[in-house]
Amino acid sequence: MIYFITSNTHKYREVQDMTSRSIIQNPLEYPEIQADSLEAVAQYGIQYCYKKVQAPCFIEDSGLFIHTLGGFPGPYSRYVFETLGCTGILRLLSESHDRSAHFQSVIAYTDGSDTKLFMGRIDGMISLREKGEKGFGFDPIFIPVGEKKTFAIMSLQEKNLYSHRGKAFKQFIIHLKKVK
């Protein structure tokens, strides 16, 4: 049994859909430090969580990096989503011809003796308007390379084929199979 420390039921469903392992959601709140990298945020968070649950656990942190905005919002994506939302991002890009972006994800896992990080990335672009009702966060404005649909239009299984979180989680699953 492994705990996925998240209060985000959307993230939990995405991860649960990708494995038959016993993964239990634990909505433990943990401090999300302000740092310039997702890795630093995840490293700090997983150490805090393990001290609280005293069992194998993992967290996932992700960010949207918009190239013309110098990688903004990056590790500050949650705050930016809560304050500006998709509409605010679209306004920031209203005059921009470069709409390239990428999503990045880091999963931090520890069993108490060792901490491992697993990374995933998907390149794409920011759409001209919000499209779709599925997913969460910036999903309605992100279109992966080679696709015409935003993440918010895709089914959960289709999104997991492309997504940054899906890629990181696949690496994590491979690691778990090696240690079990």
Protein backbone atom coordinates (compact mmCIF):
# COMPACT_ATOMS: atom_id res chain seq x y z
CA MET A 1 0.00 0.00 0.00
CA ILE A 2 1.24 3.47 -0.97
CA TYR A 3 -0.28 6.82 -0.07
CA PHE A 4 -0.79 9.47 -2.72
CA ILE A 5 -0.75 12.69 -0.74
CA THR A 6 -3.17 14.99 -2.54
CA SER A 7 -6.47 16.69 -1.94
CA ASN A 8 -6.97 16.93 -5.72
CA THR A 9 -9.43 14.18 -6.67
CA HIS A 10 -8.77 14.82 -10.38
CA LYS A 11 -5.07 13.96 -9.96
CA TYR A 12 -5.97 10.91 -7.89
CA ARG A 13 -8.36 9.62 -10.58
CA GLU A 14 -5.72 10.09 -13.29
CA VAL A 15 -3.16 8.10 -11.31
CA GLN A 16 -5.66 5.46 -10.20
CA ASP A 17 -6.68 4.91 -13.83
CA MET A 18 -3.10 3.97 -14.74
CA THR A 19 -2.43 1.18 -12.25
CA SER A 20 -3.89 -1.81 -10.48
CA ARG A 21 -1.69 -1.20 -7.41
CA SER A 22 -3.19 -0.30 -4.08
CA ILE A 23 -2.82 3.46 -3.98
CA ILE A 24 -4.71 5.26 -1.24
CA GLN A 25 -5.50 8.96 -1.45
CA ASN A 26 -4.50 10.90 1.64
CA PRO A 27 -5.65 14.54 1.59
CA LEU A 28 -2.95 15.66 4.04
CA GLU A 29 -2.21 19.34 3.56
CA TYR A 30 1.50 20.10 3.32
CA PRO A 31 3.46 23.33 2.89
CA GLU A 32 4.24 24.15 -0.71
CA ILE A 33 7.40 26.22 -0.56
CA GLN A 34 7.98 29.01 -3.05
CA ALA A 35 10.90 27.84 -5.17
CA ASP A 36 12.10 28.26 -8.73
CA SER A 37 11.87 24.55 -9.52
CA LEU A 38 9.23 21.87 -9.23
CA GLU A 39 11.90 19.50 -7.94
CA ALA A 40 12.65 21.69 -4.92
CA VAL A 41 8.95 22.01 -4.10
CA ALA A 42 8.46 18.24 -4.36
CA GLN A 43 11.58 17.37 -2.33
CA TYR A 44 10.47 19.57 0.54
CA GLY A 45 6.87 18.39 0.37
CA ILE A 46 7.61 14.65 0.40
CA GLN A 47 9.90 14.92 3.43
CA TYR A 48 7.16 16.76 5.34
CA CYS A 49 4.53 14.20 4.30
CA TYR A 50 6.58 11.17 5.26
CA LYS A 51 7.13 12.57 8.76
CA LYS A 52 3.33 12.79 9.10
CA VAL A 53 2.22 9.44 7.59
CA GLN A 54 5.25 7.26 8.43
CA ALA A 55 4.50 5.03 5.41
CA PRO A 56 5.54 4.86 1.74
CA CYS A 57 4.02 7.87 0.00
CA PHE A 58 4.30 10.14 -3.00
CA ILE A 59 3.26 13.60 -4.10
CA GLU A 60 2.99 15.14 -7.53
CA ASP A 61 3.66 18.73 -8.44
CA SER A 62 3.27 20.17 -11.90
CA GLY A 63 3.48 23.43 -13.73
CA LEU A 64 2.60 25.09 -17.00
CA PHE A 65 5.61 26.80 -18.60
CA ILE A 66 4.72 29.35 -21.30
CA HIS A 67 7.76 30.05 -23.44
CA THR A 68 7.02 33.64 -24.50
CA LEU A 69 6.46 34.52 -20.83
CA GLY A 70 9.90 33.19 -19.82
CA GLY A 71 8.45 29.97 -18.38
CA PHE A 72 5.76 31.71 -16.32
CA PRO A 73 3.81 30.52 -14.38
CA GLY A 74 6.03 27.41 -13.94
CA PRO A 75 6.27 26.31 -10.30
CA TYR A 76 3.76 29.04 -9.38
CA SER A 77 1.00 27.53 -11.55
CA ARG A 78 -1.38 26.70 -8.72
CA TYR A 79 -1.31 30.25 -7.39
CA VAL A 80 -1.61 31.73 -10.88
CA PHE A 81 -4.54 29.46 -11.68
CA GLU A 82 -6.29 30.46 -8.44
CA THR A 83 -5.73 34.17 -9.09
CA LEU A 84 -5.74 34.62 -12.88
CA GLY A 85 -7.23 31.36 -14.15
CA CYS A 86 -7.32 30.34 -17.79
CA THR A 87 -8.94 33.64 -18.76
CA GLY A 88 -6.04 35.62 -17.31
CA ILE A 89 -3.45 33.53 -19.15
CA LEU A 90 -5.34 33.99 -22.42
CA ARG A 91 -5.37 37.76 -21.82
CA LEU A 92 -1.61 37.76 -21.19
CA LEU A 93 -1.11 36.03 -24.55
CA SER A 94 -3.70 38.01 -26.49
CA GLU A 95 -1.06 39.88 -28.54
CA SER A 96 1.44 37.01 -28.77
CA HIS A 97 2.05 34.93 -31.87
CA ASP A 98 4.20 32.49 -29.92
CA ARG A 99 1.82 30.29 -27.94
CA SER A 100 4.26 27.44 -27.32
CA ALA A 101 4.27 25.96 -23.84
CA HIS A 102 4.92 22.79 -21.95
CA PHE A 103 3.56 21.06 -18.90
CA GLN A 104 6.05 19.49 -16.54
CA SER A 105 5.38 17.08 -13.68
CA VAL A 106 7.51 15.72 -10.88
CA ILE A 107 6.52 12.83 -8.65
CA ALA A 108 8.45 12.58 -5.39
CA TYR A 109 8.33 9.20 -3.63
CA THR A 110 9.84 7.99 -0.41
CA ASP A 111 9.69 4.82 1.62
CA GLY A 112 11.52 6.51 4.48
CA SER A 113 14.98 5.35 3.51
CA ASP A 114 15.27 6.74 -0.01
CA THR A 115 13.62 9.53 -2.00
CA LYS A 116 13.23 9.32 -5.76
CA LEU A 117 11.98 11.87 -8.31
CA PHE A 118 10.22 10.97 -11.56
CA MET A 119 9.77 13.60 -14.27
CA GLY A 120 7.35 13.97 -17.15
CA ARG A 121 6.97 16.64 -19.82
CA ILE A 122 4.60 17.33 -22.68
CA ASP A 123 5.14 20.09 -25.23
CA GLY A 124 2.25 21.91 -26.79
CA MET A 125 0.60 25.26 -27.19
CA ILE A 126 -1.91 27.53 -25.54
CA SER A 127 -5.21 27.62 -27.41
CA LEU A 128 -6.90 30.86 -28.44
CA ARG A 129 -9.85 30.19 -26.14
CA GLU A 130 -10.97 27.73 -23.48
CA LYS A 131 -12.24 24.44 -24.91
CA GLY A 132 -13.68 21.45 -23.06
CA GLU A 133 -15.26 20.60 -19.74
CA LYS A 134 -13.09 17.69 -18.57
CA GLY A 135 -9.90 17.81 -16.57
CA PHE A 136 -8.89 20.65 -14.28
CA GLY A 137 -6.57 23.61 -13.97
CA PHE A 138 -5.15 24.80 -17.28
CA ASP A 139 -6.46 21.75 -19.20
CA PRO A 140 -9.02 23.86 -21.18
CA ILE A 141 -6.25 25.94 -22.79
CA PHE A 142 -3.44 23.40 -23.39
CA ILE A 143 -3.16 21.48 -26.68
CA PRO A 144 -0.39 18.81 -26.85
CA VAL A 145 1.90 18.72 -29.89
CA GLY A 146 0.34 16.64 -32.67
CA GLU A 147 -3.20 17.10 -31.33
CA LYS A 148 -6.06 19.44 -32.11
CA LYS A 149 -7.87 18.96 -28.80
CA THR A 150 -7.17 20.49 -25.41
CA PHE A 151 -6.68 18.21 -22.42
CA ALA A 152 -10.16 19.28 -21.26
CA ILE A 153 -11.74 17.71 -24.36
CA MET A 154 -9.87 14.40 -24.05
CA SER A 155 -11.07 11.37 -22.12
CA LEU A 156 -9.08 10.48 -19.01
CA GLN A 157 -7.41 7.57 -20.83
CA GLU A 158 -6.50 9.74 -23.82
CA LYS A 159 -5.07 12.48 -21.59
CA ASN A 160 -2.99 9.89 -19.70
CA LEU A 161 -1.38 8.84 -23.01
CA TYR A 162 -0.02 12.35 -23.55
CA SER A 163 0.17 14.06 -20.21
CA HIS A 164 3.19 15.10 -18.21
CA ARG A 165 1.67 13.41 -15.13
CA GLY A 166 1.06 10.20 -17.08
CA LYS A 167 4.68 10.13 -18.25
CA ALA A 168 6.04 10.70 -14.74
CA PHE A 169 3.70 8.12 -13.27
CA LYS A 170 4.72 5.48 -15.83
CA GLN A 171 8.34 5.92 -14.70
CA PHE A 172 7.22 5.66 -11.08
CA ILE A 173 5.35 2.39 -11.78
CA ILE A 174 8.47 0.91 -13.41
CA HIS A 175 10.48 1.85 -10.32
CA LEU A 176 7.92 0.22 -7.99
CA LYS A 177 8.02 -3.01 -10.01
CA LYS A 178 11.81 -3.14 -9.64
CA VAL A 179 11.77 -2.71 -5.85
CA LYS A 180 8.88 -5.10 -5.12
